């Protein structure tokens, strides 16, 4: 049976993912910017309340994946923090200016992770040569790589993902992500032969505010949260 990982942007989203039957949570903040590292409190409460594996995105900012030394140091501190809180894994990645995997930085990340699992995130989709990059992340010791096949969605990149799955040959998990929905995940599984899938299953909730002035500032809308029923539908489609 295939496993569904849900990108959860809050404690409530993480619990909704678990209730819907997800096999793992990737916890992050600012999902609309591709995700950044969540707060201490968010990680701690999610770890306390989840029974399924919890991986935490370690990304200091939105934008590219070319990091300065100070940013790498902050990421190492965040990885150590996740280990101290008892997280099951972290999700990281870094690239060189030439669009290759930054092996030196990634070695530091893996060393800091210790016994935690480590996923290489969608920085992979920006590399110059995905085939060569896959060999690099395998050699470094990552257990998983998240990818859309270099396209805007995993469905559009399905043929590329299928080639990566074949190349991996079981040496690393190749996990499709981006644009995965209940109505396309089964077909994507059939094309790619992947065994793990990544989705946010999110929707915008209505605002609970009783005072609703004209929202010229764009700050009065309801939150975006993982939808339990969408998670349930994804899990059912993968069964």
C-alpha atoms as a PDB file:
ATOM      1  CA  UNK A   1       0.000   0.000   0.000  1.00  0.00           C
ATOM      2  CA  UNK A   2       1.274   3.470  -0.881  1.00  0.00           C
ATOM      3  CA  UNK A   3       1.978   6.020   1.832  1.00  0.00           C
ATOM      4  CA  UNK A   4       0.611   9.564   1.865  1.00  0.00           C
ATOM      5  CA  UNK A   5       2.690  12.355   3.404  1.00  0.00           C
ATOM      6  CA  UNK A   6       0.812  15.575   4.079  1.00  0.00           C
ATOM      7  CA  UNK A   7       2.453  19.004   4.098  1.00  0.00           C
ATOM      8  CA  UNK A   8       0.843  20.583   7.163  1.00  0.00           C
ATOM      9  CA  UNK A   9       1.152  24.335   7.735  1.00  0.00           C
ATOM     10  CA  UNK A  10      -0.114  24.373  11.331  1.00  0.00           C
ATOM     11  CA  UNK A  11      -0.838  22.218  14.356  1.00  0.00           C
ATOM     12  CA  UNK A  12      -4.477  21.948  13.286  1.00  0.00           C
ATOM     13  CA  UNK A  13      -3.405  20.860   9.803  1.00  0.00           C
ATOM     14  CA  UNK A  14      -1.104  18.211  11.257  1.00  0.00           C
ATOM     15  CA  UNK A  15      -3.908  16.761  13.358  1.00  0.00           C
ATOM     16  CA  UNK A  16      -6.299  16.854  10.394  1.00  0.00           C
ATOM     17  CA  UNK A  17      -3.742  14.933   8.348  1.00  0.00           C
ATOM     18  CA  UNK A  18      -3.478  12.269  11.016  1.00  0.00           C
ATOM     19  CA  UNK A  19      -7.256  12.021  11.414  1.00  0.00           C
ATOM     20  CA  UNK A  20      -7.637  11.620   7.663  1.00  0.00           C
ATOM     21  CA  UNK A  21      -5.281   8.658   7.572  1.00  0.00           C
ATOM     22  CA  UNK A  22      -1.993  10.167   6.414  1.00  0.00           C
ATOM     23  CA  UNK A  23       1.086   8.056   7.047  1.00  0.00           C
ATOM     24  CA  UNK A  24       3.421  10.969   7.798  1.00  0.00           C
ATOM     25  CA  UNK A  25       3.325  14.720   8.343  1.00  0.00           C
ATOM     26  CA  UNK A  26       5.774  17.234   6.930  1.00  0.00           C
ATOM     27  CA  UNK A  27       5.345  20.249   9.201  1.00  0.00           C
ATOM     28  CA  UNK A  28       6.093  23.706   7.831  1.00  0.00           C
ATOM     29  CA  UNK A  29       5.027  27.346   7.947  1.00  0.00           C
ATOM     30  CA  UNK A  30       4.168  29.750   5.084  1.00  0.00           C
ATOM     31  CA  UNK A  31       3.037  27.007   2.750  1.00  0.00           C
ATOM     32  CA  UNK A  32       1.975  29.618   0.189  1.00  0.00           C
ATOM     33  CA  UNK A  33       5.677  30.533  -0.195  1.00  0.00           C
ATOM     34  CA  UNK A  34       6.764  26.939  -0.586  1.00  0.00           C
ATOM     35  CA  UNK A  35       7.215  26.437   3.148  1.00  0.00           C
ATOM     36  CA  UNK A  36       9.728  27.561   5.768  1.00  0.00           C
ATOM     37  CA  UNK A  37      10.730  26.252   9.195  1.00  0.00           C
ATOM     38  CA  UNK A  38       7.838  26.328  11.698  1.00  0.00           C
ATOM     39  CA  UNK A  39       8.115  27.749  15.203  1.00  0.00           C
ATOM     40  CA  UNK A  40       9.335  25.941  18.306  1.00  0.00           C
ATOM     41  CA  UNK A  41       5.842  25.842  19.780  1.00  0.00           C
ATOM     42  CA  UNK A  42       4.329  24.456  16.597  1.00  0.00           C
ATOM     43  CA  UNK A  43       6.894  21.667  16.388  1.00  0.00           C
ATOM     44  CA  UNK A  44       6.663  20.812  20.084  1.00  0.00           C
ATOM     45  CA  UNK A  45       2.858  20.618  20.183  1.00  0.00           C
ATOM     46  CA  UNK A  46       2.683  18.663  16.938  1.00  0.00           C
ATOM     47  CA  UNK A  47       5.221  16.170  18.262  1.00  0.00           C
ATOM     48  CA  UNK A  48       3.266  15.832  21.476  1.00  0.00           C
ATOM     49  CA  UNK A  49      -0.042  15.218  19.733  1.00  0.00           C
ATOM     50  CA  UNK A  50       0.892  13.091  16.721  1.00  0.00           C
ATOM     51  CA  UNK A  51       1.153   9.321  16.687  1.00  0.00           C
ATOM     52  CA  UNK A  52       2.379   9.160  13.072  1.00  0.00           C
ATOM     53  CA  UNK A  53       5.929  10.120  11.996  1.00  0.00           C
ATOM     54  CA  UNK A  54       6.686  13.833  12.059  1.00  0.00           C
ATOM     55  CA  UNK A  55       9.204  15.385   9.686  1.00  0.00           C
ATOM     56  CA  UNK A  56       9.950  19.101   9.890  1.00  0.00           C
ATOM     57  CA  UNK A  57      10.880  21.349   7.003  1.00  0.00           C
ATOM     58  CA  UNK A  58      14.146  23.152   7.701  1.00  0.00           C
ATOM     59  CA  UNK A  59      14.276  26.113   5.338  1.00  0.00           C
ATOM     60  CA  UNK A  60      15.286  29.529   6.695  1.00  0.00           C
ATOM     61  CA  UNK A  61      13.523  31.631   4.072  1.00  0.00           C
ATOM     62  CA  UNK A  62      11.563  31.549   0.844  1.00  0.00           C
ATOM     63  CA  UNK A  63      13.331  31.989  -2.462  1.00  0.00           C
ATOM     64  CA  UNK A  64      16.262  30.071  -3.880  1.00  0.00           C
ATOM     65  CA  UNK A  65      18.282  27.350  -2.170  1.00  0.00           C
ATOM     66  CA  UNK A  66      21.699  29.014  -2.340  1.00  0.00           C
ATOM     67  CA  UNK A  67      22.493  29.621   1.322  1.00  0.00           C
ATOM     68  CA  UNK A  68      25.040  31.834   3.057  1.00  0.00           C
ATOM     69  CA  UNK A  69      27.113  30.455   5.926  1.00  0.00           C
ATOM     70  CA  UNK A  70      24.924  32.126   8.551  1.00  0.00           C
ATOM     71  CA  UNK A  71      21.827  30.520   7.042  1.00  0.00           C
ATOM     72  CA  UNK A  72      23.470  27.103   7.073  1.00  0.00           C
ATOM     73  CA  UNK A  73      24.384  27.608  10.733  1.00  0.00           C
ATOM     74  CA  UNK A  74      20.783  28.473  11.544  1.00  0.00           C
ATOM     75  CA  UNK A  75      19.592  25.358   9.703  1.00  0.00           C
ATOM     76  CA  UNK A  76      21.995  23.186  11.691  1.00  0.00           C
ATOM     77  CA  UNK A  77      20.597  24.679  14.908  1.00  0.00           C
ATOM     78  CA  UNK A  78      17.040  23.990  13.729  1.00  0.00           C
ATOM     79  CA  UNK A  79      17.918  20.370  12.880  1.00  0.00           C
ATOM     80  CA  UNK A  80      19.412  19.886  16.349  1.00  0.00           C
ATOM     81  CA  UNK A  81      16.288  21.446  17.837  1.00  0.00           C
ATOM     82  CA  UNK A  82      14.076  18.960  15.955  1.00  0.00           C
ATOM     83  CA  UNK A  83      16.194  16.086  17.250  1.00  0.00           C
ATOM     84  CA  UNK A  84      15.876  17.377  20.823  1.00  0.00           C
ATOM     85  CA  UNK A  85      12.077  17.480  20.467  1.00  0.00           C
ATOM     86  CA  UNK A  86      11.955  13.878  19.285  1.00  0.00           C
ATOM     87  CA  UNK A  87      11.004  14.466  15.660  1.00  0.00           C
ATOM     88  CA  UNK A  88      11.318  11.510  13.314  1.00  0.00           C
ATOM     89  CA  UNK A  89      13.025  13.415  10.540  1.00  0.00           C
ATOM     90  CA  UNK A  90      13.770  16.661   8.764  1.00  0.00           C
ATOM     91  CA  UNK A  91      13.326  17.903   5.212  1.00  0.00           C
ATOM     92  CA  UNK A  92      16.248  19.912   3.843  1.00  0.00           C
ATOM     93  CA  UNK A  93      18.161  20.825   0.710  1.00  0.00           C
ATOM     94  CA  UNK A  94      20.761  23.231  -0.644  1.00  0.00           C
ATOM     95  CA  UNK A  95      22.156  24.014  -4.074  1.00  0.00           C
ATOM     96  CA  UNK A  96      25.291  25.605  -5.471  1.00  0.00           C
ATOM     97  CA  UNK A  97      25.165  28.659  -7.704  1.00  0.00           C
ATOM     98  CA  UNK A  98      25.647  26.315 -10.686  1.00  0.00           C
ATOM     99  CA  UNK A  99      22.481  24.380  -9.866  1.00  0.00           C
ATOM    100  CA  UNK A 100      24.090  21.295  -8.368  1.00  0.00           C
ATOM    101  CA  UNK A 101      23.403  19.691  -5.000  1.00  0.00           C
ATOM    102  CA  UNK A 102      25.518  21.457  -2.372  1.00  0.00           C
ATOM    103  CA  UNK A 103      27.148  18.292  -1.071  1.00  0.00           C
ATOM    104  CA  UNK A 104      29.197  20.090   1.584  1.00  0.00           C
ATOM    105  CA  UNK A 105      26.175  21.748   3.184  1.00  0.00           C
ATOM    106  CA  UNK A 106      24.079  18.608   2.878  1.00  0.00           C
ATOM    107  CA  UNK A 107      26.736  16.518   4.617  1.00  0.00           C
ATOM    108  CA  UNK A 108      26.516  18.924   7.548  1.00  0.00           C
ATOM    109  CA  UNK A 109      22.724  18.611   7.589  1.00  0.00           C
ATOM    110  CA  UNK A 110      22.897  14.820   7.591  1.00  0.00           C
ATOM    111  CA  UNK A 111      25.483  14.768  10.365  1.00  0.00           C
ATOM    112  CA  UNK A 112      23.348  17.088  12.491  1.00  0.00           C
ATOM    113  CA  UNK A 113      20.286  14.885  11.900  1.00  0.00           C
ATOM    114  CA  UNK A 114      21.984  11.878  13.482  1.00  0.00           C
ATOM    115  CA  UNK A 115      19.478   9.033  13.690  1.00  0.00           C
ATOM    116  CA  UNK A 116      16.594  11.081  12.241  1.00  0.00           C
ATOM    117  CA  UNK A 117      15.430  10.421   8.704  1.00  0.00           C
ATOM    118  CA  UNK A 118      16.293  13.063   6.096  1.00  0.00           C
ATOM    119  CA  UNK A 119      14.362  13.984   2.963  1.00  0.00           C
ATOM    120  CA  UNK A 120      15.837  16.151   0.182  1.00  0.00           C
ATOM    121  CA  UNK A 121      13.079  18.593  -0.774  1.00  0.00           C
ATOM    122  CA  UNK A 122      12.019  20.198  -4.044  1.00  0.00           C
ATOM    123  CA  UNK A 123      15.248  22.114  -4.447  1.00  0.00           C
ATOM    124  CA  UNK A 124      15.842  18.935  -6.451  1.00  0.00           C
ATOM    125  CA  UNK A 125      13.521  20.298  -9.145  1.00  0.00           C
ATOM    126  CA  UNK A 126      15.875  23.228  -9.780  1.00  0.00           C
ATOM    127  CA  UNK A 127      19.051  21.231 -10.416  1.00  0.00           C
ATOM    128  CA  UNK A 128      20.733  21.312 -13.812  1.00  0.00           C
ATOM    129  CA  UNK A 129      20.820  17.511 -14.130  1.00  0.00           C
ATOM    130  CA  UNK A 130      18.271  15.520 -12.121  1.00  0.00           C
ATOM    131  CA  UNK A 131      19.812  12.160 -12.978  1.00  0.00           C
ATOM    132  CA  UNK A 132      23.229  13.222 -11.662  1.00  0.00           C
ATOM    133  CA  UNK A 133      21.626  14.931  -8.662  1.00  0.00           C
ATOM    134  CA  UNK A 134      19.795  11.737  -7.767  1.00  0.00           C
ATOM    135  CA  UNK A 135      23.080   9.851  -7.600  1.00  0.00           C
ATOM    136  CA  UNK A 136      24.513  12.597  -5.394  1.00  0.00           C
ATOM    137  CA  UNK A 137      21.675  12.498  -2.857  1.00  0.00           C
ATOM    138  CA  UNK A 138      21.886   8.704  -2.783  1.00  0.00           C
ATOM    139  CA  UNK A 139      25.632   8.826  -2.136  1.00  0.00           C
ATOM    140  CA  UNK A 140      25.151  11.426   0.599  1.00  0.00           C
ATOM    141  CA  UNK A 141      22.728   9.162   2.429  1.00  0.00           C
ATOM    142  CA  UNK A 142      19.317  10.802   2.040  1.00  0.00           C
ATOM    143  CA  UNK A 143      16.443   8.360   2.458  1.00  0.00           C
ATOM    144  CA  UNK A 144      13.999  10.200   0.219  1.00  0.00           C
ATOM    145  CA  UNK A 145      13.734  12.893  -2.445  1.00  0.00           C
ATOM    146  CA  UNK A 146      10.613  14.979  -3.067  1.00  0.00           C
ATOM    147  CA  UNK A 147      10.095  15.988  -6.687  1.00  0.00           C
ATOM    148  CA  UNK A 148       7.589  17.118  -9.285  1.00  0.00           C
ATOM    149  CA  UNK A 149       9.931  15.961 -12.033  1.00  0.00           C
ATOM    150  CA  UNK A 150      10.982  19.554 -12.605  1.00  0.00           C
ATOM    151  CA  UNK A 151       7.483  20.607 -13.657  1.00  0.00           C
ATOM    152  CA  UNK A 152       4.771  22.747 -12.033  1.00  0.00           C
ATOM    153  CA  UNK A 153       2.939  19.593 -10.960  1.00  0.00           C
ATOM    154  CA  UNK A 154       3.804  15.960 -10.427  1.00  0.00           C
ATOM    155  CA  UNK A 155       1.209  15.004 -13.032  1.00  0.00           C
ATOM    156  CA  UNK A 156       2.976  17.118 -15.650  1.00  0.00           C
ATOM    157  CA  UNK A 157       6.319  15.670 -14.564  1.00  0.00           C
ATOM    158  CA  UNK A 158       5.098  12.069 -14.300  1.00  0.00           C
ATOM    159  CA  UNK A 159       7.321  10.673 -17.052  1.00  0.00           C
ATOM    160  CA  UNK A 160      10.411  12.269 -15.516  1.00  0.00           C
ATOM    161  CA  UNK A 161       9.451  10.952 -12.070  1.00  0.00           C
ATOM    162  CA  UNK A 162       9.000   7.472 -13.522  1.00  0.00           C
ATOM    163  CA  UNK A 163      12.545   7.596 -14.906  1.00  0.00           C
ATOM    164  CA  UNK A 164      13.874   8.685 -11.511  1.00  0.00           C
ATOM    165  CA  UNK A 165      12.028   5.857  -9.754  1.00  0.00           C
ATOM    166  CA  UNK A 166      13.540   3.382 -12.217  1.00  0.00           C
ATOM    167  CA  UNK A 167      17.015   4.898 -11.810  1.00  0.00           C
ATOM    168  CA  UNK A 168      16.744   4.788  -8.021  1.00  0.00           C
ATOM    169  CA  UNK A 169      16.092   1.071  -8.117  1.00  0.00           C
ATOM    170  CA  UNK A 170      15.068   1.027  -4.453  1.00  0.00           C
ATOM    171  CA  UNK A 171      18.221   2.799  -3.248  1.00  0.00           C
ATOM    172  CA  UNK A 172      16.197   5.872  -2.263  1.00  0.00           C
ATOM    173  CA  UNK A 173      12.499   6.717  -2.132  1.00  0.00           C
ATOM    174  CA  UNK A 174      11.400   9.012  -4.963  1.00  0.00           C
ATOM    175  CA  UNK A 175       8.271  10.782  -3.708  1.00  0.00           C
ATOM    176  CA  UNK A 176       6.087  12.735  -6.169  1.00  0.00           C
ATOM    177  CA  UNK A 177       4.674  16.017  -4.898  1.00  0.00           C
ATOM    178  CA  UNK A 178       2.910  19.175  -6.226  1.00  0.00           C
ATOM    179  CA  UNK A 179      -0.641  19.330  -7.488  1.00  0.00           C
ATOM    180  CA  UNK A 180      -1.606  15.884  -6.217  1.00  0.00           C
ATOM    181  CA  UNK A 181      -5.346  15.468  -5.727  1.00  0.00           C
ATOM    182  CA  UNK A 182      -7.731  12.565  -5.039  1.00  0.00           C
ATOM    183  CA  UNK A 183      -8.735  12.424  -8.719  1.00  0.00           C
ATOM    184  CA  UNK A 184      -5.191  12.099 -10.105  1.00  0.00           C
ATOM    185  CA  UNK A 185      -3.103  10.270  -7.513  1.00  0.00           C
ATOM    186  CA  UNK A 186      -4.045   6.722  -8.560  1.00  0.00           C
ATOM    187  CA  UNK A 187      -3.122   7.378 -12.185  1.00  0.00           C
ATOM    188  CA  UNK A 188       0.104   9.048 -11.054  1.00  0.00           C
ATOM    189  CA  UNK A 189       0.984   5.978  -9.004  1.00  0.00           C
ATOM    190  CA  UNK A 190       0.381   3.741 -12.013  1.00  0.00           C
ATOM    191  CA  UNK A 191       2.596   5.840 -14.280  1.00  0.00           C
ATOM    192  CA  UNK A 192       5.457   6.490 -11.866  1.00  0.00           C
ATOM    193  CA  UNK A 193       5.448   3.278  -9.807  1.00  0.00           C
ATOM    194  CA  UNK A 194       6.181   5.466  -6.781  1.00  0.00           C
ATOM    195  CA  UNK A 195       5.286   4.155  -3.334  1.00  0.00           C
ATOM    196  CA  UNK A 196       5.056   7.431  -1.397  1.00  0.00           C
ATOM    197  CA  UNK A 197       3.168  10.593  -2.324  1.00  0.00           C
ATOM    198  CA  UNK A 198       3.170  14.142  -0.955  1.00  0.00           C
ATOM    199  CA  UNK A 199       0.159  16.494  -0.883  1.00  0.00           C
ATOM    200  CA  UNK A 200      -1.077  19.446   1.149  1.00  0.00           C
ATOM    201  CA  UNK A 201      -4.806  18.633   0.809  1.00  0.00           C
ATOM    202  CA  UNK A 202      -5.506  22.220   1.807  1.00  0.00           C
ATOM    203  CA  UNK A 203      -8.502  24.500   1.591  1.00  0.00           C
ATOM    204  CA  UNK A 204      -9.328  27.973   2.894  1.00  0.00           C
ATOM    205  CA  UNK A 205     -11.671  28.053   5.849  1.00  0.00           C
ATOM    206  CA  UNK A 206     -14.272  30.787   6.320  1.00  0.00           C
ATOM    207  CA  UNK A 207     -13.163  33.437   8.778  1.00  0.00           C
ATOM    208  CA  UNK A 208     -14.445  33.074  12.323  1.00  0.00           C
ATOM    209  CA  UNK A 209     -14.293  36.831  12.882  1.00  0.00           C
ATOM    210  CA  UNK A 210     -17.646  38.417  13.769  1.00  0.00           C
ATOM    211  CA  UNK A 211     -16.238  41.857  13.006  1.00  0.00           C
ATOM    212  CA  UNK A 212     -15.654  41.926   9.267  1.00  0.00           C
ATOM    213  CA  UNK A 213     -14.755  45.419   8.038  1.00  0.00           C
ATOM    214  CA  UNK A 214     -13.696  46.056   4.482  1.00  0.00           C
ATOM    215  CA  UNK A 215     -10.508  44.024   4.198  1.00  0.00           C
ATOM    216  CA  UNK A 216      -8.377  46.461   2.213  1.00  0.00           C
ATOM    217  CA  UNK A 217      -5.288  45.140   3.993  1.00  0.00           C
ATOM    218  CA  UNK A 218      -5.894  41.544   2.917  1.00  0.00           C
ATOM    219  CA  UNK A 219      -5.516  40.217   6.441  1.00  0.00           C
ATOM    220  CA  UNK A 220      -9.068  39.298   7.382  1.00  0.00           C
ATOM    221  CA  UNK A 221      -9.625  36.054   5.489  1.00  0.00           C
ATOM    222  CA  UNK A 222      -9.908  32.611   6.993  1.00  0.00           C
ATOM    223  CA  UNK A 223      -6.863  30.401   7.419  1.00  0.00           C
ATOM    224  CA  UNK A 224      -5.626  27.818   4.941  1.00  0.00           C
ATOM    225  CA  UNK A 225      -5.702  24.389   6.568  1.00  0.00           C
ATOM    226  CA  UNK A 226      -5.312  20.740   5.614  1.00  0.00           C
ATOM    227  CA  UNK A 227      -8.745  19.262   4.958  1.00  0.00           C
ATOM    228  CA  UNK A 228      -9.343  15.937   6.696  1.00  0.00           C
ATOM    229  CA  UNK A 229     -11.820  14.689   4.105  1.00  0.00           C
ATOM    230  CA  UNK A 230      -9.437  15.455   1.238  1.00  0.00           C
ATOM    231  CA  UNK A 231      -6.720  13.502   3.049  1.00  0.00           C
ATOM    232  CA  UNK A 232      -9.170  10.635   3.511  1.00  0.00           C
ATOM    233  CA  UNK A 233     -10.014  10.699  -0.197  1.00  0.00           C
ATOM    234  CA  UNK A 234      -6.325  10.667  -1.157  1.00  0.00           C
ATOM    235  CA  UNK A 235      -5.647   7.716   1.120  1.00  0.00           C
ATOM    236  CA  UNK A 236      -8.643   5.860  -0.304  1.00  0.00           C
ATOM    237  CA  UNK A 237      -7.469   6.497  -3.872  1.00  0.00           C
ATOM    238  CA  UNK A 238      -4.080   5.017  -2.993  1.00  0.00           C
ATOM    239  CA  UNK A 239      -5.544   1.937  -1.288  1.00  0.00           C
END
